[in-house]
Amino acid sequence: MTDNLTVSVLGTGIMGAAMARNLARAGHAVRAWNRSRDKAEPLAAEGAHVADTPADAVRGADVVLTMLYDGPAVLEVMRQAAPALRPGVAWVQSTTAGLDAVGELAAFAREHGLVFYDAPVLGTRQPAEAGQLLVLAAGPGAGRQAVTPVFDAVGARTVWTGEDGAAAGATRLKLVANSWVLAVNNAAGEVLALAKALGVDPQGFFDAVGGGPLDMGYLRAKTGLILEDRLTPPSFAVTTAAKDARLIVEAGRRHGVRLDGAAAGAERLDRAAAQGHGDEDMAAAYYASFDG
């Protein structure tokens, strides 16, 4: 197989569109589909074929990449694509779907003779657009020559977690990493909310922690979005973050671990969404500290 592949990208939101764009720029033939076609249309300028249906998108593909909202959405779309799926095609499943969903998706792959790769990514809009994502992957070594060029086009590095995508080793690592990301995001918002309530200049806090072990780039980035009112376009939307938070809490519960902070964080994100901030960057969880 040559390094120039035909790659079907199902789901062209913030992450999927950036991944499709980098695949096209790397010389791969891209066939893109999105439920809202207008989000896929700009990819035509990059040489991608914008498909009307999932089946049209996967027809003739060497690799199918899914980057949708959640596990049920992936299963629904793949069922629509099923009539055109060719046995032996590599399926790179990059949606953060949760542990139970990965099992269901892997079962679908077995039924249709697909080579399944559990391959979520770490990173948001900016690294996605720059092709600098961290790819977390699990799947058979024998088929990796088909997916490595895809991972190289969208990411700066690939971390392999195992040979069996159905075991969800990559998704497990993604949930652990996202639990930290969400915890820092929510804490950053609460710091600013408390500072506002107590009449403390946020710069005083930054000066106090600056250069020490409590300082971190992610804290500065998220608080900057709030203070400078740069919550749109989102790098990682509130609604998506809330979905991931619920997956993290459920994964912990299933394995006998109480994640009280993550559960509170999920409620916080849901509250921000209910206040009308669902499509803003997840830093907008800040507003959940206030009524209305």
Foldseek 3Di string as FASTA:
>chain_A
DDLAWEEEEEAQDLQSVLLQLLNLVLRHAYEYEYPPQVSVVVCVVSVHHDDPALLVRQAPGQEYEYADQELVVVVVRVVRNLVRHDAAREYEYAYLHFLVSLLVVVVVCVVRNYFYKDWHWDFFNPLQNVLAIEIEIEAAPVPVSSCVSSNNRRHPYYHYQYHDSNNVRSSVVVLVVLLVVLLLLLVLLVVVLVCVVVVHDVVVVCVVCPPHPVDDPSSVVLNVCVVVVVFPPARQFLQSSLVSLVSSQVVQVVVVHHDPSSVVSSVLSVQLVVVPRRNTYNSSSSCSVDDD
